[in-house]
N, C-alpha and C. Protein backbone atom coordinates (compact mmCIF):
# COMPACT_ATOMS: atom_id res chain seq x y z
N MET A 1 -16.46 37.96 -31.76
CA MET A 1 -15.10 37.51 -31.67
C MET A 1 -14.60 36.89 -30.31
N LEU A 2 -14.94 37.62 -29.25
CA LEU A 2 -14.73 37.00 -27.88
C LEU A 2 -15.46 35.79 -27.62
N LEU A 3 -16.72 35.70 -28.20
CA LEU A 3 -17.58 34.48 -28.04
C LEU A 3 -16.83 33.28 -28.76
N ARG A 4 -16.35 33.54 -30.00
CA ARG A 4 -15.67 32.41 -30.72
C ARG A 4 -14.41 31.94 -29.97
N LEU A 5 -13.64 32.85 -29.51
CA LEU A 5 -12.54 32.53 -28.56
C LEU A 5 -12.87 31.66 -27.40
N ALA A 6 -13.98 32.03 -26.56
CA ALA A 6 -14.37 31.18 -25.66
C ALA A 6 -14.80 29.83 -26.01
N ILE A 7 -15.37 29.77 -27.16
CA ILE A 7 -15.96 28.34 -27.64
C ILE A 7 -14.78 27.50 -27.91
N VAL A 8 -13.77 28.05 -28.46
CA VAL A 8 -12.54 27.34 -28.98
C VAL A 8 -11.84 26.95 -27.71
N VAL A 9 -11.71 27.73 -26.71
CA VAL A 9 -11.09 27.40 -25.45
C VAL A 9 -11.86 26.27 -24.82
N LEU A 10 -13.12 26.45 -24.76
CA LEU A 10 -13.91 25.31 -24.03
C LEU A 10 -13.75 23.98 -24.90
N ALA A 11 -13.68 24.11 -26.23
CA ALA A 11 -13.62 22.92 -26.97
C ALA A 11 -12.19 22.12 -26.70
N VAL A 12 -11.17 23.09 -26.65
CA VAL A 12 -9.81 22.44 -26.47
C VAL A 12 -9.79 21.84 -25.07
N ALA A 13 -10.33 22.48 -23.98
CA ALA A 13 -10.31 21.98 -22.69
C ALA A 13 -11.13 20.74 -22.55
N ALA A 14 -12.32 20.56 -23.30
CA ALA A 14 -13.01 19.43 -23.51
C ALA A 14 -12.21 18.22 -23.97
N ALA A 15 -11.51 18.55 -25.14
CA ALA A 15 -10.71 17.52 -25.74
C ALA A 15 -9.52 16.93 -24.90
N TYR A 16 -9.04 17.92 -24.21
CA TYR A 16 -7.88 17.39 -23.21
C TYR A 16 -8.50 16.63 -22.12
N GLY A 17 -9.61 17.02 -21.53
CA GLY A 17 -10.29 16.23 -20.56
C GLY A 17 -10.69 14.91 -21.10
N ALA A 18 -11.24 14.63 -22.37
CA ALA A 18 -11.63 13.40 -22.81
C ALA A 18 -10.29 12.63 -23.02
N MET A 19 -9.23 13.03 -23.46
CA MET A 19 -7.95 12.42 -23.57
C MET A 19 -7.42 11.80 -22.27
N ALA A 20 -7.63 12.52 -21.32
CA ALA A 20 -7.35 12.03 -19.88
C ALA A 20 -8.13 10.87 -19.52
N LEU A 21 -9.32 10.74 -19.96
CA LEU A 21 -10.21 9.64 -19.60
C LEU A 21 -9.72 8.39 -20.47
N TRP A 22 -9.26 8.62 -21.50
CA TRP A 22 -8.93 7.59 -22.48
C TRP A 22 -7.60 6.92 -22.03
N ARG A 23 -6.78 7.70 -21.44
CA ARG A 23 -5.38 7.10 -20.99
C ARG A 23 -5.50 6.01 -19.97
N LYS A 24 -4.62 5.02 -20.14
CA LYS A 24 -4.65 3.97 -19.17
C LYS A 24 -4.11 4.55 -17.90
N PRO A 25 -4.81 4.26 -16.70
CA PRO A 25 -4.47 4.80 -15.46
C PRO A 25 -3.04 4.38 -15.00
N SER A 26 -2.17 5.15 -14.70
CA SER A 26 -0.95 4.83 -14.07
C SER A 26 -1.04 3.90 -12.78
N HIS A 27 -0.26 3.03 -12.46
CA HIS A 27 -0.26 2.34 -11.26
C HIS A 27 0.14 3.23 -10.13
N LYS A 28 -0.60 3.23 -9.08
CA LYS A 28 -0.32 4.13 -7.86
C LYS A 28 0.70 3.18 -7.08
N LEU A 29 1.53 3.79 -6.63
CA LEU A 29 2.50 3.33 -5.84
C LEU A 29 2.08 3.31 -4.31
N GLY A 30 1.23 2.25 -4.01
CA GLY A 30 0.67 2.10 -2.67
C GLY A 30 1.34 1.11 -1.87
N ARG A 31 1.83 -0.07 -2.59
CA ARG A 31 2.30 -1.21 -2.00
C ARG A 31 3.52 -1.83 -2.87
N LEU A 32 4.54 -2.26 -2.35
CA LEU A 32 5.63 -2.82 -3.03
C LEU A 32 5.61 -4.30 -2.83
N ASP A 33 5.93 -5.19 -3.78
CA ASP A 33 6.24 -6.58 -3.57
C ASP A 33 7.61 -6.70 -3.15
N LEU A 34 7.88 -6.59 -1.87
CA LEU A 34 9.28 -6.49 -1.38
C LEU A 34 10.05 -7.87 -1.62
N PRO A 35 9.36 -9.01 -1.62
CA PRO A 35 10.30 -10.17 -1.89
C PRO A 35 10.61 -10.29 -3.36
N ASP A 36 9.95 -9.79 -4.16
CA ASP A 36 10.20 -9.59 -5.65
C ASP A 36 11.32 -8.79 -5.86
N LEU A 37 11.54 -7.73 -4.98
CA LEU A 37 12.61 -6.69 -5.14
C LEU A 37 13.79 -7.22 -4.44
N GLY A 38 13.74 -8.41 -3.68
CA GLY A 38 14.92 -8.89 -2.97
C GLY A 38 15.14 -8.17 -1.62
N VAL A 39 14.00 -7.71 -1.04
CA VAL A 39 13.99 -7.05 0.27
C VAL A 39 13.26 -7.93 1.35
N ASP A 40 13.89 -7.76 2.40
CA ASP A 40 13.25 -8.43 3.54
C ASP A 40 13.00 -7.53 4.70
N GLY A 41 11.81 -7.41 5.14
CA GLY A 41 11.31 -6.53 6.16
C GLY A 41 11.06 -5.08 5.81
N PRO A 42 10.98 -4.21 6.66
CA PRO A 42 10.72 -2.81 6.43
C PRO A 42 12.03 -2.33 5.75
N ALA A 43 11.84 -1.46 4.82
CA ALA A 43 12.96 -1.00 4.05
C ALA A 43 12.89 0.49 3.37
N ILE A 44 13.99 0.88 3.07
CA ILE A 44 14.22 2.07 2.22
C ILE A 44 14.68 1.58 0.92
N VAL A 45 13.72 1.77 -0.12
CA VAL A 45 14.08 1.25 -1.50
C VAL A 45 14.34 2.57 -2.43
N GLN A 46 15.60 2.40 -3.12
CA GLN A 46 15.93 3.61 -3.96
C GLN A 46 15.94 3.03 -5.38
N PHE A 47 14.99 3.62 -6.33
CA PHE A 47 14.92 3.28 -7.63
C PHE A 47 15.86 4.13 -8.35
N SER A 48 16.87 3.63 -9.13
CA SER A 48 17.98 4.53 -9.73
C SER A 48 18.44 3.79 -11.07
N THR A 49 19.38 4.55 -11.54
CA THR A 49 20.09 3.98 -12.70
C THR A 49 21.49 4.24 -12.58
N PRO A 50 22.45 3.56 -13.26
CA PRO A 50 23.77 3.61 -12.85
C PRO A 50 24.49 4.89 -13.32
N PHE A 51 23.97 5.70 -14.09
CA PHE A 51 24.61 6.90 -14.57
C PHE A 51 23.85 8.22 -13.87
N CYS A 52 22.92 8.02 -12.87
CA CYS A 52 22.29 9.04 -12.15
C CYS A 52 23.22 9.62 -11.12
N ALA A 53 23.63 10.84 -11.31
CA ALA A 53 24.49 11.53 -10.31
C ALA A 53 23.71 11.71 -9.00
N PRO A 54 22.49 12.25 -9.13
CA PRO A 54 21.80 12.51 -7.82
C PRO A 54 21.56 11.05 -6.98
N CYS A 55 21.32 10.04 -7.82
CA CYS A 55 21.17 8.73 -7.17
C CYS A 55 22.45 8.25 -6.45
N LYS A 56 23.63 8.55 -7.00
CA LYS A 56 24.81 8.13 -6.33
C LYS A 56 25.12 9.12 -5.20
N ALA A 57 24.78 10.27 -5.30
CA ALA A 57 24.85 11.18 -4.03
C ALA A 57 23.89 10.95 -2.94
N ALA A 58 22.69 10.31 -3.17
CA ALA A 58 21.66 10.05 -2.22
C ALA A 58 22.04 8.74 -1.43
N LYS A 59 22.69 7.87 -2.09
CA LYS A 59 22.97 6.51 -1.70
C LYS A 59 23.51 6.46 -0.15
N PRO A 60 24.69 7.19 0.10
CA PRO A 60 25.25 7.07 1.38
C PRO A 60 24.36 7.81 2.57
N HIS A 61 23.46 8.65 2.12
CA HIS A 61 22.55 9.19 3.10
C HIS A 61 21.52 8.30 3.43
N LEU A 62 20.96 7.56 2.33
CA LEU A 62 19.84 6.43 2.55
C LEU A 62 20.55 5.24 3.29
N ILE A 63 21.56 4.85 3.03
CA ILE A 63 22.22 3.70 3.84
C ILE A 63 22.29 4.15 5.26
N ASP A 64 22.83 5.44 5.43
CA ASP A 64 22.99 5.88 6.88
C ASP A 64 21.53 5.88 7.63
N ALA A 65 20.60 6.51 7.01
CA ALA A 65 19.20 6.49 7.50
C ALA A 65 18.63 5.13 7.76
N ALA A 66 18.83 4.18 6.90
CA ALA A 66 18.46 2.85 7.08
C ALA A 66 19.09 2.23 8.31
N GLY A 67 20.43 2.53 8.52
CA GLY A 67 21.12 1.92 9.51
C GLY A 67 20.60 2.36 10.85
N ARG A 68 20.40 3.92 10.81
CA ARG A 68 19.98 4.40 12.13
C ARG A 68 18.55 3.99 12.56
N ALA A 69 17.61 3.66 11.49
CA ALA A 69 16.31 3.32 11.81
C ALA A 69 16.25 1.85 11.91
N ASP A 70 17.19 0.98 11.64
CA ASP A 70 17.34 -0.44 11.73
C ASP A 70 16.29 -1.06 10.71
N VAL A 71 16.42 -0.54 9.57
CA VAL A 71 15.57 -1.23 8.43
C VAL A 71 16.67 -1.47 7.23
N SER A 72 16.10 -2.40 6.27
CA SER A 72 16.87 -2.66 5.21
C SER A 72 16.99 -1.54 4.18
N TYR A 73 18.03 -1.79 3.23
CA TYR A 73 18.30 -0.65 2.26
C TYR A 73 18.45 -1.36 1.08
N ALA A 74 17.71 -1.13 -0.17
CA ALA A 74 17.92 -1.73 -1.36
C ALA A 74 17.88 -0.66 -2.39
N GLN A 75 18.83 -0.90 -3.38
CA GLN A 75 18.86 -0.12 -4.60
C GLN A 75 18.41 -0.89 -5.82
N ILE A 76 17.44 -0.52 -6.56
CA ILE A 76 16.91 -1.25 -7.60
C ILE A 76 17.32 -0.44 -8.87
N ASP A 77 18.10 -1.06 -9.67
CA ASP A 77 18.63 -0.49 -10.94
C ASP A 77 17.57 -0.73 -12.09
N LEU A 78 17.02 0.36 -12.61
CA LEU A 78 15.99 0.37 -13.43
C LEU A 78 16.45 -0.06 -14.79
N GLU A 79 17.66 -0.03 -15.00
CA GLU A 79 18.16 -0.44 -16.49
C GLU A 79 18.18 -1.98 -16.54
N GLN A 80 18.40 -2.62 -15.30
CA GLN A 80 18.42 -4.02 -15.22
C GLN A 80 17.09 -4.68 -15.04
N ARG A 81 16.18 -3.79 -14.38
CA ARG A 81 14.91 -4.19 -14.14
C ARG A 81 13.79 -3.16 -14.52
N PRO A 82 13.80 -3.09 -15.94
CA PRO A 82 12.82 -2.04 -16.37
C PRO A 82 11.26 -2.49 -16.19
N ASP A 83 10.91 -3.74 -15.85
CA ASP A 83 9.71 -4.23 -15.51
C ASP A 83 9.37 -3.54 -14.25
N VAL A 84 10.18 -3.50 -13.30
CA VAL A 84 9.80 -2.93 -11.94
C VAL A 84 9.44 -1.47 -12.09
N GLY A 85 10.19 -0.64 -12.92
CA GLY A 85 9.81 0.75 -13.11
C GLY A 85 8.43 0.79 -13.82
N GLU A 86 8.12 -0.06 -14.83
CA GLU A 86 6.81 0.10 -15.38
C GLU A 86 5.69 -0.30 -14.43
N ARG A 87 5.92 -1.40 -13.72
CA ARG A 87 4.91 -1.93 -12.84
C ARG A 87 4.51 -0.86 -11.82
N TYR A 88 5.55 -0.04 -11.19
CA TYR A 88 5.25 0.85 -10.12
C TYR A 88 5.16 2.30 -10.59
N GLY A 89 5.20 2.64 -12.04
CA GLY A 89 5.03 3.92 -12.56
C GLY A 89 6.22 4.78 -12.26
N ILE A 90 7.41 4.35 -11.96
CA ILE A 90 8.57 5.18 -11.68
C ILE A 90 8.92 5.95 -12.91
N ARG A 91 8.76 7.26 -12.83
CA ARG A 91 9.10 8.13 -14.14
C ARG A 91 10.35 8.79 -13.97
N SER A 92 10.94 8.95 -12.72
CA SER A 92 12.12 9.73 -12.61
C SER A 92 13.09 9.07 -11.51
N VAL A 93 14.32 9.36 -11.62
CA VAL A 93 15.25 8.88 -10.80
C VAL A 93 16.06 10.05 -10.04
N PRO A 94 16.38 9.94 -8.83
CA PRO A 94 16.09 8.75 -7.82
C PRO A 94 14.54 8.95 -7.47
N THR A 95 13.98 7.88 -7.29
CA THR A 95 12.81 7.69 -6.65
C THR A 95 13.09 6.91 -5.24
N ILE A 96 12.73 7.43 -4.23
CA ILE A 96 13.14 6.89 -2.89
C ILE A 96 11.68 6.55 -2.30
N VAL A 97 11.61 5.18 -1.84
CA VAL A 97 10.37 4.77 -1.16
C VAL A 97 10.86 4.18 0.25
N VAL A 98 9.83 4.26 1.17
CA VAL A 98 9.94 3.69 2.49
C VAL A 98 8.68 2.85 2.60
N ALA A 99 8.95 1.57 2.94
CA ALA A 99 7.89 0.58 3.04
C ALA A 99 7.92 -0.10 4.19
N ASP A 100 6.79 -0.59 4.83
CA ASP A 100 6.88 -1.34 5.99
C ASP A 100 7.04 -2.81 5.61
N ARG A 101 6.94 -3.80 6.58
CA ARG A 101 7.19 -5.21 6.28
C ARG A 101 6.14 -5.81 5.40
N SER A 102 4.97 -5.33 5.38
CA SER A 102 3.91 -5.79 4.36
C SER A 102 4.09 -5.13 2.93
N GLY A 103 5.01 -4.23 2.87
CA GLY A 103 5.11 -3.47 1.55
C GLY A 103 4.37 -2.23 1.33
N GLN A 104 3.63 -1.83 2.50
CA GLN A 104 2.74 -0.71 2.42
C GLN A 104 3.81 0.62 2.31
N VAL A 105 3.60 1.32 1.28
CA VAL A 105 4.45 2.57 1.00
C VAL A 105 4.04 3.55 2.18
N LEU A 106 4.84 4.04 2.92
CA LEU A 106 4.69 5.05 4.00
C LEU A 106 5.31 6.48 3.54
N GLY A 107 6.11 6.44 2.52
CA GLY A 107 6.77 7.79 2.02
C GLY A 107 7.44 7.52 0.65
N LYS A 108 7.29 8.48 -0.15
CA LYS A 108 7.89 8.44 -1.44
C LYS A 108 8.36 9.81 -1.79
N TRP A 109 9.54 9.98 -2.30
CA TRP A 109 10.25 11.18 -2.83
C TRP A 109 10.92 10.95 -4.23
N THR A 110 10.98 11.93 -4.94
CA THR A 110 11.76 12.01 -6.14
C THR A 110 12.95 12.75 -6.20
N LYS A 111 13.41 13.11 -4.98
CA LYS A 111 14.87 13.68 -4.70
C LYS A 111 15.01 13.37 -3.23
N LEU A 112 16.24 13.62 -2.80
CA LEU A 112 16.52 13.41 -1.35
C LEU A 112 15.83 14.51 -0.48
N PRO A 113 15.03 14.07 0.31
CA PRO A 113 14.27 15.07 1.23
C PRO A 113 15.20 15.64 2.33
N ALA A 114 14.59 16.51 2.98
CA ALA A 114 15.16 17.26 4.09
C ALA A 114 15.79 16.21 5.11
N ASN A 115 16.88 16.56 5.64
CA ASN A 115 17.51 15.71 6.76
C ASN A 115 16.64 15.13 7.81
N GLY A 116 16.61 13.92 7.91
CA GLY A 116 15.78 13.26 9.07
C GLY A 116 14.49 12.79 8.46
N GLU A 117 13.87 13.30 7.42
CA GLU A 117 12.54 12.73 7.03
C GLU A 117 12.52 11.48 6.58
N ILE A 118 13.48 10.94 5.79
CA ILE A 118 13.57 9.42 5.50
C ILE A 118 13.53 8.66 6.77
N ARG A 119 14.63 9.07 7.75
CA ARG A 119 14.69 8.26 8.90
C ARG A 119 13.49 8.16 9.77
N LYS A 120 12.65 9.29 9.80
CA LYS A 120 11.37 9.24 10.52
C LYS A 120 10.43 8.34 9.82
N ALA A 121 10.33 8.37 8.50
CA ALA A 121 9.45 7.30 7.78
C ALA A 121 9.92 5.86 7.98
N ALA A 122 11.25 5.56 7.95
CA ALA A 122 11.74 4.36 8.09
C ALA A 122 11.45 3.90 9.59
N GLU A 123 11.62 4.75 10.60
CA GLU A 123 11.32 4.37 11.96
C GLU A 123 9.81 3.93 12.11
N LEU A 124 9.00 4.74 11.44
CA LEU A 124 7.55 4.42 11.46
C LEU A 124 7.25 3.02 10.71
N ALA A 125 8.08 2.78 9.56
CA ALA A 125 7.92 1.48 8.92
C ALA A 125 8.34 0.42 9.85
N ARG A 126 9.36 0.51 10.51
CA ARG A 126 9.79 -0.49 11.43
C ARG A 126 8.86 -0.87 12.49
N GLY A 127 8.15 0.22 13.03
CA GLY A 127 7.13 -0.14 14.07
C GLY A 127 5.95 -0.40 13.51
N ALA A 128 5.59 -0.24 12.35
CA ALA A 128 4.20 -0.54 11.74
C ALA A 128 3.66 -1.96 11.89
N ASN A 129 4.86 -2.79 11.76
CA ASN A 129 4.27 -4.20 11.84
C ASN A 129 5.02 -5.14 12.76
N ALA A 130 5.46 -4.44 13.88
CA ALA A 130 6.23 -4.98 15.00
C ALA A 130 5.57 -6.17 15.55
């Protein structure tokens, strides 16, 4: 009986492993096309939707962090630009990304991080391609 259970468990695990190999790999968020997003230079980019309460709550903090780090701030509405969410594999909002001038992602969060963490990443982004 125990042997049969072990065989079933191994068969199920193998099936799930095979399914993972068949899935189309999701795009890794390693680089943003900043001009396509309407962003110039190093930036804090917030992917959001109009009805997302955490997105609305995070916005003033992100604008403040961008101002203090002297980088751009952009908010991308995924309801207006669903192609962007699909291209970058955005699955939850808010998704907050800090990118340098070339679009290289230096930080990504799916909620507002601890105080100062965004600003430090933004300062790094500003200095990355100076």
